[in-house]
C-alpha atoms as a PDB file:
ATOM      1  CA  UNK A   1      20.730 -12.651  18.950  1.00  0.00           C
ATOM      2  CA  UNK A   2      22.525 -14.116  15.921  1.00  0.00           C
ATOM      3  CA  UNK A   3      20.386 -16.409  13.837  1.00  0.00           C
ATOM      4  CA  UNK A   4      17.152 -15.255  15.457  1.00  0.00           C
ATOM      5  CA  UNK A   5      14.292 -14.097  13.224  1.00  0.00           C
ATOM      6  CA  UNK A   6      12.791 -10.646  12.886  1.00  0.00           C
ATOM      7  CA  UNK A   7       9.352  -9.374  13.809  1.00  0.00           C
ATOM      8  CA  UNK A   8       7.390  -7.103  11.503  1.00  0.00           C
ATOM      9  CA  UNK A   9       4.001  -5.440  11.764  1.00  0.00           C
ATOM     10  CA  UNK A  10       1.907  -3.841   9.037  1.00  0.00           C
ATOM     11  CA  UNK A  11      -0.451  -1.429  10.788  1.00  0.00           C
ATOM     12  CA  UNK A  12      -3.401  -0.290   8.689  1.00  0.00           C
ATOM     13  CA  UNK A  13      -6.643   1.495   9.293  1.00  0.00           C
ATOM     14  CA  UNK A  14      -8.636  -1.759   9.267  1.00  0.00           C
ATOM     15  CA  UNK A  15      -6.122  -4.536   9.989  1.00  0.00           C
ATOM     16  CA  UNK A  16      -2.960  -5.389  11.904  1.00  0.00           C
ATOM     17  CA  UNK A  17      -0.697  -8.031  10.350  1.00  0.00           C
ATOM     18  CA  UNK A  18       2.238  -9.345  12.402  1.00  0.00           C
ATOM     19  CA  UNK A  19       4.878 -11.594  10.860  1.00  0.00           C
ATOM     20  CA  UNK A  20       7.893 -13.507  12.156  1.00  0.00           C
ATOM     21  CA  UNK A  21      10.380 -14.028   9.328  1.00  0.00           C
ATOM     22  CA  UNK A  22      13.986 -14.878   8.542  1.00  0.00           C
ATOM     23  CA  UNK A  23      16.414 -12.398   7.021  1.00  0.00           C
ATOM     24  CA  UNK A  24      15.727 -14.041   3.661  1.00  0.00           C
ATOM     25  CA  UNK A  25      12.016 -13.233   3.846  1.00  0.00           C
ATOM     26  CA  UNK A  26      10.784 -16.715   4.794  1.00  0.00           C
ATOM     27  CA  UNK A  27       7.624 -16.281   6.872  1.00  0.00           C
ATOM     28  CA  UNK A  28       7.680 -18.519   9.947  1.00  0.00           C
ATOM     29  CA  UNK A  29       4.363 -17.390  11.430  1.00  0.00           C
ATOM     30  CA  UNK A  30       1.790 -14.639  11.103  1.00  0.00           C
ATOM     31  CA  UNK A  31      -1.165 -13.183  12.986  1.00  0.00           C
ATOM     32  CA  UNK A  32      -3.883 -10.949  11.556  1.00  0.00           C
ATOM     33  CA  UNK A  33      -6.560  -9.086  13.497  1.00  0.00           C
ATOM     34  CA  UNK A  34      -8.779  -5.992  13.108  1.00  0.00           C
ATOM     35  CA  UNK A  35      -7.439  -2.559  14.020  1.00  0.00           C
ATOM     36  CA  UNK A  36      -9.474  -1.145  16.925  1.00  0.00           C
ATOM     37  CA  UNK A  37     -11.150   2.203  16.341  1.00  0.00           C
ATOM     38  CA  UNK A  38     -10.787   3.212  20.002  1.00  0.00           C
ATOM     39  CA  UNK A  39      -7.550   5.189  19.693  1.00  0.00           C
ATOM     40  CA  UNK A  40      -3.796   4.671  20.114  1.00  0.00           C
ATOM     41  CA  UNK A  41      -3.817   2.774  23.424  1.00  0.00           C
ATOM     42  CA  UNK A  42      -6.209   0.120  22.133  1.00  0.00           C
ATOM     43  CA  UNK A  43      -4.274  -0.159  18.864  1.00  0.00           C
ATOM     44  CA  UNK A  44      -0.970  -0.546  20.712  1.00  0.00           C
ATOM     45  CA  UNK A  45      -2.465  -3.340  22.834  1.00  0.00           C
ATOM     46  CA  UNK A  46      -3.571  -5.222  19.712  1.00  0.00           C
ATOM     47  CA  UNK A  47      -0.312  -4.505  17.894  1.00  0.00           C
ATOM     48  CA  UNK A  48       1.741  -5.976  20.743  1.00  0.00           C
ATOM     49  CA  UNK A  49      -0.713  -8.853  21.152  1.00  0.00           C
ATOM     50  CA  UNK A  50      -0.534  -9.672  17.460  1.00  0.00           C
ATOM     51  CA  UNK A  51       3.268  -9.795  17.447  1.00  0.00           C
ATOM     52  CA  UNK A  52       3.321 -11.945  20.587  1.00  0.00           C
ATOM     53  CA  UNK A  53       0.813 -14.352  19.032  1.00  0.00           C
ATOM     54  CA  UNK A  54       2.927 -14.669  15.886  1.00  0.00           C
ATOM     55  CA  UNK A  55       6.078 -15.174  17.975  1.00  0.00           C
ATOM     56  CA  UNK A  56       4.344 -17.879  20.023  1.00  0.00           C
ATOM     57  CA  UNK A  57       3.327 -19.653  16.816  1.00  0.00           C
ATOM     58  CA  UNK A  58       6.957 -19.476  15.635  1.00  0.00           C
ATOM     59  CA  UNK A  59       8.185 -20.798  19.007  1.00  0.00           C
ATOM     60  CA  UNK A  60      10.296 -17.722  19.741  1.00  0.00           C
ATOM     61  CA  UNK A  61      10.183 -15.163  22.550  1.00  0.00           C
ATOM     62  CA  UNK A  62       9.521 -11.581  21.383  1.00  0.00           C
ATOM     63  CA  UNK A  63      12.563 -10.472  23.420  1.00  0.00           C
ATOM     64  CA  UNK A  64      14.768 -12.839  21.399  1.00  0.00           C
ATOM     65  CA  UNK A  65      13.835 -11.217  18.081  1.00  0.00           C
ATOM     66  CA  UNK A  66      16.683  -9.367  16.354  1.00  0.00           C
ATOM     67  CA  UNK A  67      14.427  -6.355  15.961  1.00  0.00           C
ATOM     68  CA  UNK A  68      10.873  -5.317  15.127  1.00  0.00           C
ATOM     69  CA  UNK A  69       9.759  -3.138  12.233  1.00  0.00           C
ATOM     70  CA  UNK A  70       6.396  -1.387  12.033  1.00  0.00           C
ATOM     71  CA  UNK A  71       4.975  -0.184   8.717  1.00  0.00           C
ATOM     72  CA  UNK A  72       2.360   2.456   9.419  1.00  0.00           C
ATOM     73  CA  UNK A  73       0.442   5.177   7.619  1.00  0.00           C
ATOM     74  CA  UNK A  74       1.887   8.672   7.633  1.00  0.00           C
ATOM     75  CA  UNK A  75       2.536  11.391   8.262  1.00  0.00           C
ATOM     76  CA  UNK A  76       5.367  10.179  10.463  1.00  0.00           C
ATOM     77  CA  UNK A  77       8.616  11.621  11.760  1.00  0.00           C
ATOM     78  CA  UNK A  78      11.215   8.913  11.185  1.00  0.00           C
ATOM     79  CA  UNK A  79      13.815  10.703  13.296  1.00  0.00           C
ATOM     80  CA  UNK A  80      11.555  11.004  16.355  1.00  0.00           C
ATOM     81  CA  UNK A  81       9.543   7.821  15.767  1.00  0.00           C
ATOM     82  CA  UNK A  82       6.286   9.758  15.973  1.00  0.00           C
ATOM     83  CA  UNK A  83       3.066   9.172  14.002  1.00  0.00           C
ATOM     84  CA  UNK A  84       1.066  12.373  13.434  1.00  0.00           C
ATOM     85  CA  UNK A  85      -2.630  12.560  12.528  1.00  0.00           C
ATOM     86  CA  UNK A  86      -2.860   9.651  10.044  1.00  0.00           C
ATOM     87  CA  UNK A  87      -6.240   9.993   8.300  1.00  0.00           C
ATOM     88  CA  UNK A  88      -7.281   6.350   8.799  1.00  0.00           C
ATOM     89  CA  UNK A  89      -6.280   6.047  12.484  1.00  0.00           C
ATOM     90  CA  UNK A  90      -8.700   8.221  14.469  1.00  0.00           C
ATOM     91  CA  UNK A  91      -7.412   9.852  17.634  1.00  0.00           C
ATOM     92  CA  UNK A  92      -3.731   9.606  16.719  1.00  0.00           C
ATOM     93  CA  UNK A  93      -2.122  12.971  17.498  1.00  0.00           C
ATOM     94  CA  UNK A  94       1.679  12.980  17.791  1.00  0.00           C
ATOM     95  CA  UNK A  95       1.876   9.372  19.024  1.00  0.00           C
ATOM     96  CA  UNK A  96       5.469   8.286  19.911  1.00  0.00           C
ATOM     97  CA  UNK A  97       4.869   4.825  18.487  1.00  0.00           C
ATOM     98  CA  UNK A  98       8.506   3.728  18.346  1.00  0.00           C
ATOM     99  CA  UNK A  99       9.155   4.477  22.027  1.00  0.00           C
ATOM    100  CA  UNK A 100       5.858   2.960  23.174  1.00  0.00           C
ATOM    101  CA  UNK A 101       6.424  -0.231  21.179  1.00  0.00           C
ATOM    102  CA  UNK A 102      10.007  -0.584  22.416  1.00  0.00           C
ATOM    103  CA  UNK A 103       8.857  -0.220  26.023  1.00  0.00           C
ATOM    104  CA  UNK A 104       6.221  -2.917  25.560  1.00  0.00           C
ATOM    105  CA  UNK A 105       8.284  -5.358  23.480  1.00  0.00           C
ATOM    106  CA  UNK A 106      11.762  -4.927  24.961  1.00  0.00           C
ATOM    107  CA  UNK A 107      13.536  -4.919  21.573  1.00  0.00           C
ATOM    108  CA  UNK A 108      14.633  -2.165  19.145  1.00  0.00           C
ATOM    109  CA  UNK A 109      11.818  -0.936  16.885  1.00  0.00           C
ATOM    110  CA  UNK A 110      12.056   0.755  13.485  1.00  0.00           C
ATOM    111  CA  UNK A 111       9.200   2.668  11.800  1.00  0.00           C
ATOM    112  CA  UNK A 112       8.576   3.229   8.097  1.00  0.00           C
ATOM    113  CA  UNK A 113       5.805   4.612   5.919  1.00  0.00           C
ATOM    114  CA  UNK A 114       3.568   1.709   4.893  1.00  0.00           C
ATOM    115  CA  UNK A 115       3.746   2.351   1.141  1.00  0.00           C
ATOM    116  CA  UNK A 116       7.532   2.745   1.222  1.00  0.00           C
ATOM    117  CA  UNK A 117       7.771  -0.485   3.219  1.00  0.00           C
ATOM    118  CA  UNK A 118       5.683  -2.322   0.609  1.00  0.00           C
ATOM    119  CA  UNK A 119       7.932  -0.973  -2.154  1.00  0.00           C
ATOM    120  CA  UNK A 120      10.994  -2.220  -0.273  1.00  0.00           C
ATOM    121  CA  UNK A 121       9.343  -5.610   0.265  1.00  0.00           C
ATOM    122  CA  UNK A 122       8.667  -6.094  -3.435  1.00  0.00           C
ATOM    123  CA  UNK A 123      12.171  -4.872  -4.303  1.00  0.00           C
ATOM    124  CA  UNK A 124      13.924  -7.146  -1.809  1.00  0.00           C
ATOM    125  CA  UNK A 125      11.803 -10.295  -2.051  1.00  0.00           C
ATOM    126  CA  UNK A 126       9.162  -9.862  -4.771  1.00  0.00           C
ATOM    127  CA  UNK A 127       8.461  -8.665  -8.294  1.00  0.00           C
ATOM    128  CA  UNK A 128      11.075  -5.896  -8.212  1.00  0.00           C
ATOM    129  CA  UNK A 129      14.079  -8.060  -7.412  1.00  0.00           C
ATOM    130  CA  UNK A 130      17.084  -7.163  -9.529  1.00  0.00           C
ATOM    131  CA  UNK A 131      15.778  -3.734 -10.569  1.00  0.00           C
ATOM    132  CA  UNK A 132      18.030  -0.831  -9.618  1.00  0.00           C
ATOM    133  CA  UNK A 133      15.192   1.600 -10.371  1.00  0.00           C
ATOM    134  CA  UNK A 134      11.602   0.706  -9.467  1.00  0.00           C
ATOM    135  CA  UNK A 135       8.298   2.439  -8.813  1.00  0.00           C
ATOM    136  CA  UNK A 136       5.741   0.641  -6.652  1.00  0.00           C
ATOM    137  CA  UNK A 137       2.098   1.746  -6.784  1.00  0.00           C
ATOM    138  CA  UNK A 138      -0.585   0.420  -4.455  1.00  0.00           C
ATOM    139  CA  UNK A 139      -4.208   0.821  -5.551  1.00  0.00           C
ATOM    140  CA  UNK A 140      -6.605   0.249  -2.690  1.00  0.00           C
ATOM    141  CA  UNK A 141      -8.897   2.510  -0.703  1.00  0.00           C
ATOM    142  CA  UNK A 142      -6.452   5.220  -1.758  1.00  0.00           C
ATOM    143  CA  UNK A 143      -3.412   5.256  -4.024  1.00  0.00           C
ATOM    144  CA  UNK A 144       0.147   5.475  -2.753  1.00  0.00           C
ATOM    145  CA  UNK A 145       3.536   4.078  -3.477  1.00  0.00           C
ATOM    146  CA  UNK A 146       7.263   4.084  -3.089  1.00  0.00           C
ATOM    147  CA  UNK A 147      10.279   4.795  -5.245  1.00  0.00           C
ATOM    148  CA  UNK A 148      13.534   2.851  -5.466  1.00  0.00           C
ATOM    149  CA  UNK A 149      16.490   4.598  -7.119  1.00  0.00           C
ATOM    150  CA  UNK A 150      19.945   3.062  -7.506  1.00  0.00           C
ATOM    151  CA  UNK A 151      18.716   0.183  -5.365  1.00  0.00           C
ATOM    152  CA  UNK A 152      17.749   2.380  -2.416  1.00  0.00           C
ATOM    153  CA  UNK A 153      14.427   3.889  -1.295  1.00  0.00           C
ATOM    154  CA  UNK A 154      13.918   7.526  -2.216  1.00  0.00           C
ATOM    155  CA  UNK A 155      12.238   9.375   0.656  1.00  0.00           C
ATOM    156  CA  UNK A 156      12.827  13.022  -0.244  1.00  0.00           C
ATOM    157  CA  UNK A 157      12.359  15.183   2.840  1.00  0.00           C
ATOM    158  CA  UNK A 158      10.156  12.439   4.254  1.00  0.00           C
ATOM    159  CA  UNK A 159       7.001  12.635   2.147  1.00  0.00           C
ATOM    160  CA  UNK A 160       8.122  11.174  -1.198  1.00  0.00           C
ATOM    161  CA  UNK A 161       5.780   8.580  -2.670  1.00  0.00           C
ATOM    162  CA  UNK A 162       2.493  10.501  -2.535  1.00  0.00           C
ATOM    163  CA  UNK A 163       1.788   9.052  -5.965  1.00  0.00           C
ATOM    164  CA  UNK A 164      -1.974   9.252  -5.506  1.00  0.00           C
ATOM    165  CA  UNK A 165      -1.832  13.012  -5.784  1.00  0.00           C
ATOM    166  CA  UNK A 166      -0.448  13.278  -9.292  1.00  0.00           C
ATOM    167  CA  UNK A 167      -3.101  15.217 -11.206  1.00  0.00           C
ATOM    168  CA  UNK A 168      -4.374  13.387 -14.283  1.00  0.00           C
ATOM    169  CA  UNK A 169      -7.543  15.381 -15.082  1.00  0.00           C
ATOM    170  CA  UNK A 170      -7.577  19.140 -14.682  1.00  0.00           C
ATOM    171  CA  UNK A 171     -10.792  20.266 -12.952  1.00  0.00           C
ATOM    172  CA  UNK A 172     -11.609  16.618 -12.182  1.00  0.00           C
ATOM    173  CA  UNK A 173     -13.363  15.423  -9.020  1.00  0.00           C
ATOM    174  CA  UNK A 174     -12.330  16.811  -5.654  1.00  0.00           C
ATOM    175  CA  UNK A 175      -9.702  14.731  -3.854  1.00  0.00           C
ATOM    176  CA  UNK A 176      -9.400  14.342  -0.109  1.00  0.00           C
ATOM    177  CA  UNK A 177      -6.156  16.337  -0.266  1.00  0.00           C
ATOM    178  CA  UNK A 178      -8.081  19.412  -1.467  1.00  0.00           C
ATOM    179  CA  UNK A 179      -6.925  19.346  -5.088  1.00  0.00           C
ATOM    180  CA  UNK A 180      -8.987  18.294  -8.086  1.00  0.00           C
ATOM    181  CA  UNK A 181      -8.238  15.555 -10.578  1.00  0.00           C
ATOM    182  CA  UNK A 182      -5.735  13.514  -8.545  1.00  0.00           C
ATOM    183  CA  UNK A 183      -5.464   9.916  -9.710  1.00  0.00           C
ATOM    184  CA  UNK A 184      -6.639   8.876  -6.223  1.00  0.00           C
ATOM    185  CA  UNK A 185      -9.919  10.694  -6.901  1.00  0.00           C
ATOM    186  CA  UNK A 186     -10.371   8.829 -10.201  1.00  0.00           C
ATOM    187  CA  UNK A 187      -8.922   5.315  -9.875  1.00  0.00           C
ATOM    188  CA  UNK A 188      -8.843   4.300  -6.191  1.00  0.00           C
ATOM    189  CA  UNK A 189     -11.324   1.945  -4.576  1.00  0.00           C
ATOM    190  CA  UNK A 190     -12.993   4.940  -2.959  1.00  0.00           C
ATOM    191  CA  UNK A 191     -13.282   6.715  -6.310  1.00  0.00           C
ATOM    192  CA  UNK A 192     -14.750   3.649  -8.018  1.00  0.00           C
ATOM    193  CA  UNK A 193     -17.322   3.270  -5.231  1.00  0.00           C
ATOM    194  CA  UNK A 194     -18.250   6.962  -5.454  1.00  0.00           C
ATOM    195  CA  UNK A 195     -18.727   6.790  -9.219  1.00  0.00           C
ATOM    196  CA  UNK A 196     -20.783   3.599  -8.838  1.00  0.00           C
ATOM    197  CA  UNK A 197     -23.085   5.395  -6.391  1.00  0.00           C
ATOM    198  CA  UNK A 198     -23.557   8.143  -8.980  1.00  0.00           C
ATOM    199  CA  UNK A 199     -24.532   5.521 -11.568  1.00  0.00           C
ATOM    200  CA  UNK A 200     -27.023   3.920  -9.198  1.00  0.00           C
ATOM    201  CA  UNK A 201     -28.527   7.298  -8.319  1.00  0.00           C
ATOM    202  CA  UNK A 202     -28.982   7.915 -12.050  1.00  0.00           C
ATOM    203  CA  UNK A 203     -30.887   4.629 -12.453  1.00  0.00           C
ATOM    204  CA  UNK A 204     -28.018   2.853 -14.220  1.00  0.00           C
ATOM    205  CA  UNK A 205     -25.783  -0.174 -13.424  1.00  0.00           C
ATOM    206  CA  UNK A 206     -28.692  -2.675 -13.191  1.00  0.00           C
ATOM    207  CA  UNK A 207     -26.579  -5.753 -12.416  1.00  0.00           C
ATOM    208  CA  UNK A 208     -24.791  -3.908  -9.619  1.00  0.00           C
ATOM    209  CA  UNK A 209     -28.141  -2.837  -8.198  1.00  0.00           C
ATOM    210  CA  UNK A 210     -29.310  -6.466  -8.041  1.00  0.00           C
ATOM    211  CA  UNK A 211     -26.096  -7.581  -6.333  1.00  0.00           C
ATOM    212  CA  UNK A 212     -26.341  -5.094  -3.485  1.00  0.00           C
ATOM    213  CA  UNK A 213     -28.430  -5.836  -0.438  1.00  0.00           C
ATOM    214  CA  UNK A 214     -30.982  -3.279   0.718  1.00  0.00           C
ATOM    215  CA  UNK A 215     -29.122  -0.252   2.036  1.00  0.00           C
ATOM    216  CA  UNK A 216     -25.694  -1.648   1.076  1.00  0.00           C
ATOM    217  CA  UNK A 217     -23.287   0.796  -0.544  1.00  0.00           C
ATOM    218  CA  UNK A 218     -21.269  -0.106  -3.650  1.00  0.00           C
ATOM    219  CA  UNK A 219     -17.606  -1.104  -3.415  1.00  0.00           C
ATOM    220  CA  UNK A 220     -14.899  -1.606  -6.018  1.00  0.00           C
ATOM    221  CA  UNK A 221     -15.205  -5.361  -5.459  1.00  0.00           C
ATOM    222  CA  UNK A 222     -18.974  -5.237  -6.091  1.00  0.00           C
ATOM    223  CA  UNK A 223     -18.400  -3.189  -9.249  1.00  0.00           C
ATOM    224  CA  UNK A 224     -16.021  -5.875 -10.489  1.00  0.00           C
ATOM    225  CA  UNK A 225     -18.548  -8.646  -9.767  1.00  0.00           C
ATOM    226  CA  UNK A 226     -21.231  -6.692 -11.591  1.00  0.00           C
ATOM    227  CA  UNK A 227     -18.936  -6.165 -14.565  1.00  0.00           C
ATOM    228  CA  UNK A 228     -18.254  -9.903 -14.694  1.00  0.00           C
ATOM    229  CA  UNK A 229     -22.031 -10.378 -14.648  1.00  0.00           C
ATOM    230  CA  UNK A 230     -22.441  -8.296 -17.793  1.00  0.00           C
ATOM    231  CA  UNK A 231     -23.055  -4.812 -16.375  1.00  0.00           C
ATOM    232  CA  UNK A 232     -21.757  -2.552 -19.150  1.00  0.00           C
ATOM    233  CA  UNK A 233     -21.898   0.551 -16.964  1.00  0.00           C
ATOM    234  CA  UNK A 234     -19.572  -1.125 -14.478  1.00  0.00           C
ATOM    235  CA  UNK A 235     -17.291  -2.335 -17.250  1.00  0.00           C
ATOM    236  CA  UNK A 236     -16.968   1.221 -18.543  1.00  0.00           C
ATOM    237  CA  UNK A 237     -16.378   2.486 -15.011  1.00  0.00           C
ATOM    238  CA  UNK A 238     -13.460   0.090 -14.478  1.00  0.00           C
ATOM    239  CA  UNK A 239     -12.052   0.902 -17.916  1.00  0.00           C
ATOM    240  CA  UNK A 240     -12.186   4.618 -17.135  1.00  0.00           C
ATOM    241  CA  UNK A 241     -10.469   4.100 -13.775  1.00  0.00           C
ATOM    242  CA  UNK A 242      -7.832   1.962 -15.473  1.00  0.00           C
ATOM    243  CA  UNK A 243      -7.216   4.642 -18.085  1.00  0.00           C
ATOM    244  CA  UNK A 244      -6.562   7.307 -15.457  1.00  0.00           C
ATOM    245  CA  UNK A 245      -4.327   4.914 -13.542  1.00  0.00           C
ATOM    246  CA  UNK A 246      -2.336   4.393 -16.738  1.00  0.00           C
ATOM    247  CA  UNK A 247      -2.035   8.150 -17.283  1.00  0.00           C
ATOM    248  CA  UNK A 248      -0.523   8.414 -13.802  1.00  0.00           C
ATOM    249  CA  UNK A 249       1.787   5.455 -14.442  1.00  0.00           C
ATOM    250  CA  UNK A 250       3.076   7.184 -17.568  1.00  0.00           C
ATOM    251  CA  UNK A 251       3.817  10.300 -15.526  1.00  0.00           C
ATOM    252  CA  UNK A 252       5.751   8.245 -12.974  1.00  0.00           C
ATOM    253  CA  UNK A 253       7.617   6.447 -15.754  1.00  0.00           C
ATOM    254  CA  UNK A 254       8.567   9.671 -17.524  1.00  0.00           C
ATOM    255  CA  UNK A 255       9.682  11.269 -14.249  1.00  0.00           C
ATOM    256  CA  UNK A 256      11.732   8.382 -12.803  1.00  0.00           C
ATOM    257  CA  UNK A 257      12.703   6.208 -15.825  1.00  0.00           C
ATOM    258  CA  UNK A 258      12.403   2.922 -13.872  1.00  0.00           C
ATOM    259  CA  UNK A 259      13.226  -0.572 -15.036  1.00  0.00           C
ATOM    260  CA  UNK A 260      10.153  -1.954 -13.274  1.00  0.00           C
ATOM    261  CA  UNK A 261       6.765  -0.671 -12.204  1.00  0.00           C
ATOM    262  CA  UNK A 262       5.068  -2.951  -9.688  1.00  0.00           C
ATOM    263  CA  UNK A 263       1.366  -2.686  -8.862  1.00  0.00           C
ATOM    264  CA  UNK A 264      -0.248  -3.867  -5.638  1.00  0.00           C
ATOM    265  CA  UNK A 265      -3.448  -3.349  -3.676  1.00  0.00           C
ATOM    266  CA  UNK A 266      -6.899  -4.871  -3.502  1.00  0.00           C
ATOM    267  CA  UNK A 267      -8.398  -2.980  -6.447  1.00  0.00           C
ATOM    268  CA  UNK A 268      -6.149  -5.001  -8.776  1.00  0.00           C
ATOM    269  CA  UNK A 269      -8.495  -7.933  -8.199  1.00  0.00           C
ATOM    270  CA  UNK A 270     -10.452  -6.373 -11.061  1.00  0.00           C
ATOM    271  CA  UNK A 271      -7.754  -7.857 -13.302  1.00  0.00           C
ATOM    272  CA  UNK A 272      -7.634  -7.044 -16.989  1.00  0.00           C
ATOM    273  CA  UNK A 273     -10.787  -4.913 -16.845  1.00  0.00           C
ATOM    274  CA  UNK A 274      -8.625  -2.387 -15.004  1.00  0.00           C
ATOM    275  CA  UNK A 275      -5.132  -3.362 -16.135  1.00  0.00           C
ATOM    276  CA  UNK A 276      -5.671  -3.491 -19.905  1.00  0.00           C
ATOM    277  CA  UNK A 277      -6.669   0.195 -20.220  1.00  0.00           C
ATOM    278  CA  UNK A 278      -3.952   1.136 -17.701  1.00  0.00           C
ATOM    279  CA  UNK A 279      -1.344  -0.679 -19.763  1.00  0.00           C
ATOM    280  CA  UNK A 280      -2.593   0.927 -22.981  1.00  0.00           C
ATOM    281  CA  UNK A 281      -2.370   4.442 -21.514  1.00  0.00           C
ATOM    282  CA  UNK A 282       1.077   3.767 -20.063  1.00  0.00           C
ATOM    283  CA  UNK A 283       2.560   2.504 -23.327  1.00  0.00           C
ATOM    284  CA  UNK A 284       0.889   5.302 -25.307  1.00  0.00           C
ATOM    285  CA  UNK A 285       2.001   8.170 -23.076  1.00  0.00           C
ATOM    286  CA  UNK A 286       5.405   7.047 -21.808  1.00  0.00           C
ATOM    287  CA  UNK A 287       8.286   8.480 -23.811  1.00  0.00           C
ATOM    288  CA  UNK A 288       9.886   6.026 -26.270  1.00  0.00           C
ATOM    289  CA  UNK A 289      13.217   5.930 -24.420  1.00  0.00           C
ATOM    290  CA  UNK A 290      11.384   5.346 -21.140  1.00  0.00           C
ATOM    291  CA  UNK A 291       9.323   2.474 -22.582  1.00  0.00           C
ATOM    292  CA  UNK A 292      12.413   0.571 -23.679  1.00  0.00           C
ATOM    293  CA  UNK A 293      13.323  -1.977 -21.053  1.00  0.00           C
ATOM    294  CA  UNK A 294      10.395  -1.049 -18.794  1.00  0.00           C
ATOM    295  CA  UNK A 295       8.331  -3.877 -17.356  1.00  0.00           C
ATOM    296  CA  UNK A 296       4.935  -3.535 -15.658  1.00  0.00           C
ATOM    297  CA  UNK A 297       4.121  -6.279 -13.172  1.00  0.00           C
ATOM    298  CA  UNK A 298       1.689  -7.039 -10.390  1.00  0.00           C
ATOM    299  CA  UNK A 299       3.206  -7.559  -6.966  1.00  0.00           C
ATOM    300  CA  UNK A 300       4.364 -11.007  -5.888  1.00  0.00           C
ATOM    301  CA  UNK A 301       3.916 -10.597  -2.127  1.00  0.00           C
ATOM    302  CA  UNK A 302       0.279  -9.535  -1.826  1.00  0.00           C
ATOM    303  CA  UNK A 303      -0.677  -8.444   1.708  1.00  0.00           C
ATOM    304  CA  UNK A 304       2.762  -9.445   3.038  1.00  0.00           C
ATOM    305  CA  UNK A 305       4.609  -6.735   1.092  1.00  0.00           C
ATOM    306  CA  UNK A 306       4.641  -4.142   3.873  1.00  0.00           C
ATOM    307  CA  UNK A 307       5.656  -6.540   6.638  1.00  0.00           C
ATOM    308  CA  UNK A 308       8.393  -8.144   4.541  1.00  0.00           C
ATOM    309  CA  UNK A 309       9.605  -4.671   3.629  1.00  0.00           C
ATOM    310  CA  UNK A 310      10.168  -4.059   7.331  1.00  0.00           C
ATOM    311  CA  UNK A 311      12.128  -7.325   7.531  1.00  0.00           C
ATOM    312  CA  UNK A 312      14.327  -6.095   4.671  1.00  0.00           C
ATOM    313  CA  UNK A 313      14.877  -2.750   6.426  1.00  0.00           C
ATOM    314  CA  UNK A 314      16.011  -4.564   9.571  1.00  0.00           C
ATOM    315  CA  UNK A 315      18.105  -7.230   7.844  1.00  0.00           C
ATOM    316  CA  UNK A 316      19.656  -4.989   5.164  1.00  0.00           C
ATOM    317  CA  UNK A 317      19.858  -1.696   7.005  1.00  0.00           C
ATOM    318  CA  UNK A 318      22.728  -0.277   4.958  1.00  0.00           C
ATOM    319  CA  UNK A 319      20.594  -0.610   1.815  1.00  0.00           C
ATOM    320  CA  UNK A 320      17.051   0.124   2.946  1.00  0.00           C
ATOM    321  CA  UNK A 321      16.993   1.840   6.350  1.00  0.00           C
ATOM    322  CA  UNK A 322      16.370   5.571   6.733  1.00  0.00           C
ATOM    323  CA  UNK A 323      19.439   7.456   7.943  1.00  0.00           C
ATOM    324  CA  UNK A 324      19.358  11.015   9.308  1.00  0.00           C
END
């Protein structure tokens, strides 16, 4: 229906975020709720419920939406609309999410990898606007990202953007992918928490120890708070993680020669303790011709990046949508 808004859902392992927005990226309403751990049926119920709640808040019927986009973790088959064994959605085995969502919502549904969707969101509406060539990197529980080339998303054969698995330290710590030394194993929130546990087990990081409740495990956020409180071990830990992130950024820059590199994800709340060493490594290791004209920025859209990326895919399909 002409003039009607779009619906978009960012489906993650811990949260579902539904948004109703205009084709220009103006958010009219949103709904956020936890992702159930009970399997695909329970998740689909909450996903549909979240979109309906957002539509109700925007005073629009879900069936009047011009389309719905779902950003979800991979692996996924964009042609078939099937999500296959995503590591943070237990019980998902070859789930035909597009068909199931269309049956429940009564409108066309488009799927996209969550990191690619966030890259598109920042390119269309956020910090990457105006850049023909952009690399987006999200640093959270894991590390992922998306690539924009000549103004369009680069998807490869369907798995492009696994930026967390660039190796930055030969024989480094074991990564969940089975390799050693991936940047995800050295600079992600999970990696920072693992290294913090090692420090605590060695009797170090005294401020962090005082901050944690009995039996509570360390997190990247707790490490940052401890570093702000003067914990030198935690400061060094964040600096080390930032350095390895910067090594990876330099590899991306040298490989893709972007105009902009945009960083997102919750771990960036550590601010300059993480970003300063990352920036130093990037500018040191990127080739001189690559450095010229390159800008490094934090994302402008925050947690809305993935959902607004789906709005861009729906509203600007000739530019952003996957085509077989």
